[in-house]
Every structure is written in C-alpha cells, then in structure tokens.
Amino acid sequence: MKRMMMAALLAAAMVPGAAMAEEAPAAPADDAPVVIEAKTFMAGYADDLLTGDRAAIANRYDRRGAWRVGGGEKTFDEWNAIRRYYAEGWNKPATFEWRDFRVRTH
C-alpha cells in the first residue's frame, strides 16, 4: 500500500495542474530530447529506489510539496513530510521495474 501511495505521489508531483486533452497527442520520437530526459530521470529514480537512497528520492520532489493521489484520496504533502517519510517510514523494495512507461507531451 505504501509503495502504491508513494508511486502515486511521484506521478502527481510530475503532472502539470492543467487538465489533459481528451485526445492524446502523437507520441514523441524515442530520440526526442523530452523522451531522453524523462527516461534518464526515471532510470535514476529506479536506481535510487533499488539502492535505498532515501535522501536522493526525497530530493527529487518539489520543495513546495506534492499531491498524493490514491485510495480515493487527494492530499497535499509538504516537502518536509515527504522527506521525513523517506527518512523514517520507507523501506526500499526488493525489486523494482517500470512497466508501460510512456512519455506524452502537449
């Protein structure tokens, strides 16, 4: 449950506040700068998770805080609460991999 909540928190932190268009735009090319940047970020994040680098994970979040969405709830967490969660209440996963990772731009 905690893993799902934190994954939702990360996803919510990276989604802009504007509503997504109903029609999905064409996917950018695999060598587009935004795709390379996203894949690099997500690979680094996965490495941080697998190595249990609590500080690095917390430092990926915006210092203004982030929205946590899941379990029928939407909650805003301040950065210090996010940092504290990773420092005290989080355990690294035994395994981790991204599934169906896609980059959309608009």
C-alpha atoms as a PDB file:
ATOM      1  CA  MET A   1       0.000   0.000   0.000  1.00  0.00           C
ATOM      2  CA  LYS A   2       2.801   2.421   0.908  1.00  0.00           C
ATOM      3  CA  ARG A   3       4.579   1.668  -2.396  1.00  0.00           C
ATOM      4  CA  MET A   4       1.387   2.444  -4.340  1.00  0.00           C
ATOM      5  CA  MET A   5       0.849   5.661  -2.395  1.00  0.00           C
ATOM      6  CA  MET A   6       4.387   6.874  -2.982  1.00  0.00           C
ATOM      7  CA  ALA A   7       4.241   5.954  -6.672  1.00  0.00           C
ATOM      8  CA  ALA A   8       1.035   7.973  -6.918  1.00  0.00           C
ATOM      9  CA  LEU A   9       2.726  10.828  -5.085  1.00  0.00           C
ATOM     10  CA  LEU A  10       5.576  10.832  -7.571  1.00  0.00           C
ATOM     11  CA  ALA A  11       3.209  10.691 -10.511  1.00  0.00           C
ATOM     12  CA  ALA A  12       1.099  13.526  -9.120  1.00  0.00           C
ATOM     13  CA  ALA A  13       4.203  15.634  -8.491  1.00  0.00           C
ATOM     14  CA  MET A  14       5.192  15.368 -12.136  1.00  0.00           C
ATOM     15  CA  VAL A  15       1.769  16.008 -13.763  1.00  0.00           C
ATOM     16  CA  PRO A  16       1.026  19.657 -14.570  1.00  0.00           C
ATOM     17  CA  GLY A  17      -2.072  21.172 -12.991  1.00  0.00           C
ATOM     18  CA  ALA A  18      -3.793  21.773 -16.334  1.00  0.00           C
ATOM     19  CA  ALA A  19      -6.280  19.156 -17.456  1.00  0.00           C
ATOM     20  CA  MET A  20      -5.110  16.665 -20.054  1.00  0.00           C
ATOM     21  CA  ALA A  21      -6.631  16.961 -23.519  1.00  0.00           C
ATOM     22  CA  GLU A  22      -9.217  14.335 -24.372  1.00  0.00           C
ATOM     23  CA  GLU A  23      -7.336  13.251 -27.487  1.00  0.00           C
ATOM     24  CA  ALA A  24      -3.822  12.045 -26.835  1.00  0.00           C
ATOM     25  CA  PRO A  25      -1.197  13.753 -28.990  1.00  0.00           C
ATOM     26  CA  ALA A  26       1.158  11.679 -31.084  1.00  0.00           C
ATOM     27  CA  ALA A  27       3.940  10.130 -29.031  1.00  0.00           C
ATOM     28  CA  PRO A  28       7.285  11.901 -29.452  1.00  0.00           C
ATOM     29  CA  ALA A  29      10.131  10.067 -31.161  1.00  0.00           C
ATOM     30  CA  ASP A  30      12.319   7.903 -28.914  1.00  0.00           C
ATOM     31  CA  ASP A  31      15.275  10.215 -29.556  1.00  0.00           C
ATOM     32  CA  ALA A  32      13.353  13.435 -28.793  1.00  0.00           C
ATOM     33  CA  PRO A  33      15.059  15.455 -26.025  1.00  0.00           C
ATOM     34  CA  VAL A  34      11.984  15.236 -23.763  1.00  0.00           C
ATOM     35  CA  VAL A  35      11.939  11.440 -24.084  1.00  0.00           C
ATOM     36  CA  ILE A  36      15.648  11.148 -23.346  1.00  0.00           C
ATOM     37  CA  GLU A  37      15.285  13.462 -20.336  1.00  0.00           C
ATOM     38  CA  ALA A  38      12.287  11.525 -18.996  1.00  0.00           C
ATOM     39  CA  LYS A  39      13.954   8.140 -19.450  1.00  0.00           C
ATOM     40  CA  THR A  40      17.119   9.408 -17.770  1.00  0.00           C
ATOM     41  CA  PHE A  41      15.110  10.765 -14.823  1.00  0.00           C
ATOM     42  CA  MET A  42      13.105   7.561 -14.419  1.00  0.00           C
ATOM     43  CA  ALA A  43      16.225   5.356 -14.662  1.00  0.00           C
ATOM     44  CA  GLY A  44      17.873   7.451 -11.944  1.00  0.00           C
ATOM     45  CA  TYR A  45      14.747   7.274  -9.804  1.00  0.00           C
ATOM     46  CA  ALA A  46      14.604   3.489 -10.187  1.00  0.00           C
ATOM     47  CA  ASP A  47      18.277   3.265  -9.186  1.00  0.00           C
ATOM     48  CA  ASP A  48      17.603   5.437  -6.111  1.00  0.00           C
ATOM     49  CA  LEU A  49      14.739   3.114  -5.131  1.00  0.00           C
ATOM     50  CA  LEU A  50      16.763  -0.062  -5.597  1.00  0.00           C
ATOM     51  CA  THR A  51      19.786   1.244  -3.707  1.00  0.00           C
ATOM     52  CA  GLY A  52      17.606   2.698  -0.957  1.00  0.00           C
ATOM     53  CA  ASP A  53      18.982   6.230  -1.377  1.00  0.00           C
ATOM     54  CA  ARG A  54      16.379   7.922   0.806  1.00  0.00           C
ATOM     55  CA  ALA A  55      17.819  11.438   0.539  1.00  0.00           C
ATOM     56  CA  ALA A  56      18.105  11.258  -3.253  1.00  0.00           C
ATOM     57  CA  ILE A  57      14.479  10.144  -3.571  1.00  0.00           C
ATOM     58  CA  ALA A  58      13.200  12.923  -1.308  1.00  0.00           C
ATOM     59  CA  ASN A  59      15.330  15.462  -3.177  1.00  0.00           C
ATOM     60  CA  ARG A  60      13.516  14.619  -6.418  1.00  0.00           C
ATOM     61  CA  TYR A  61      10.348  16.267  -5.068  1.00  0.00           C
ATOM     62  CA  ASP A  62       9.482  19.938  -5.429  1.00  0.00           C
ATOM     63  CA  ARG A  63      10.314  21.894  -2.272  1.00  0.00           C
ATOM     64  CA  ARG A  64       6.832  23.427  -2.401  1.00  0.00           C
ATOM     65  CA  GLY A  65       5.376  19.940  -1.818  1.00  0.00           C
ATOM     66  CA  ALA A  66       3.436  17.470  -3.926  1.00  0.00           C
ATOM     67  CA  TRP A  67      -0.028  15.993  -4.272  1.00  0.00           C
ATOM     68  CA  ARG A  68      -0.542  12.386  -3.211  1.00  0.00           C
ATOM     69  CA  VAL A  69      -3.393  10.697  -5.049  1.00  0.00           C
ATOM     70  CA  GLY A  70      -4.637   7.203  -4.321  1.00  0.00           C
ATOM     71  CA  GLY A  71      -7.120   5.140  -2.385  1.00  0.00           C
ATOM     72  CA  GLY A  72      -9.873   7.633  -3.177  1.00  0.00           C
ATOM     73  CA  GLU A  73      -7.908  10.479  -1.587  1.00  0.00           C
ATOM     74  CA  LYS A  74      -6.067  13.531  -2.831  1.00  0.00           C
ATOM     75  CA  THR A  75      -3.749  15.058  -0.235  1.00  0.00           C
ATOM     76  CA  PHE A  76      -1.102  17.757  -0.462  1.00  0.00           C
ATOM     77  CA  ASP A  77       2.107  16.860   1.398  1.00  0.00           C
ATOM     78  CA  GLU A  78       4.715  19.453   2.270  1.00  0.00           C
ATOM     79  CA  TRP A  79       8.279  18.612   1.258  1.00  0.00           C
ATOM     80  CA  ASN A  80       9.412  18.124   4.864  1.00  0.00           C
ATOM     81  CA  ALA A  81       6.706  15.471   5.311  1.00  0.00           C
ATOM     82  CA  ILE A  82       7.854  13.742   2.118  1.00  0.00           C
ATOM     83  CA  ARG A  83      11.492  13.899   3.263  1.00  0.00           C
ATOM     84  CA  ARG A  84      10.539  12.570   6.705  1.00  0.00           C
ATOM     85  CA  TYR A  85       8.566   9.694   5.137  1.00  0.00           C
ATOM     86  CA  TYR A  86      11.569   8.556   3.104  1.00  0.00           C
ATOM     87  CA  ALA A  87      13.938   9.066   6.053  1.00  0.00           C
ATOM     88  CA  GLU A  88      11.842   7.228   8.640  1.00  0.00           C
ATOM     89  CA  GLY A  89       8.889   5.307   7.223  1.00  0.00           C
ATOM     90  CA  TRP A  90      10.035   3.940   3.888  1.00  0.00           C
ATOM     91  CA  ASN A  91      11.773   0.666   3.074  1.00  0.00           C
ATOM     92  CA  LYS A  92      13.492   0.030  -0.216  1.00  0.00           C
ATOM     93  CA  PRO A  93      11.834  -2.503  -2.486  1.00  0.00           C
ATOM     94  CA  ALA A  94      13.397  -5.906  -3.075  1.00  0.00           C
ATOM     95  CA  THR A  95      12.811  -5.410  -6.803  1.00  0.00           C
ATOM     96  CA  PHE A  96      11.579  -2.593  -8.991  1.00  0.00           C
ATOM     97  CA  GLU A  97      10.907  -2.009 -12.666  1.00  0.00           C
ATOM     98  CA  TRP A  98       8.865   0.469 -14.673  1.00  0.00           C
ATOM     99  CA  ARG A  99       6.029  -1.055 -16.677  1.00  0.00           C
ATOM    100  CA  ASP A 100       4.400   0.532 -19.698  1.00  0.00           C
ATOM    101  CA  PHE A 101       6.405   3.746 -19.255  1.00  0.00           C
ATOM    102  CA  ARG A 102       5.330   6.301 -21.871  1.00  0.00           C
ATOM    103  CA  VAL A 103       6.104   9.963 -22.429  1.00  0.00           C
ATOM    104  CA  ARG A 104       3.336  12.276 -23.580  1.00  0.00           C
ATOM    105  CA  THR A 105       3.763  15.911 -24.498  1.00  0.00           C
ATOM    106  CA  HIS A 106       1.204  18.570 -25.308  1.00  0.00           C
END
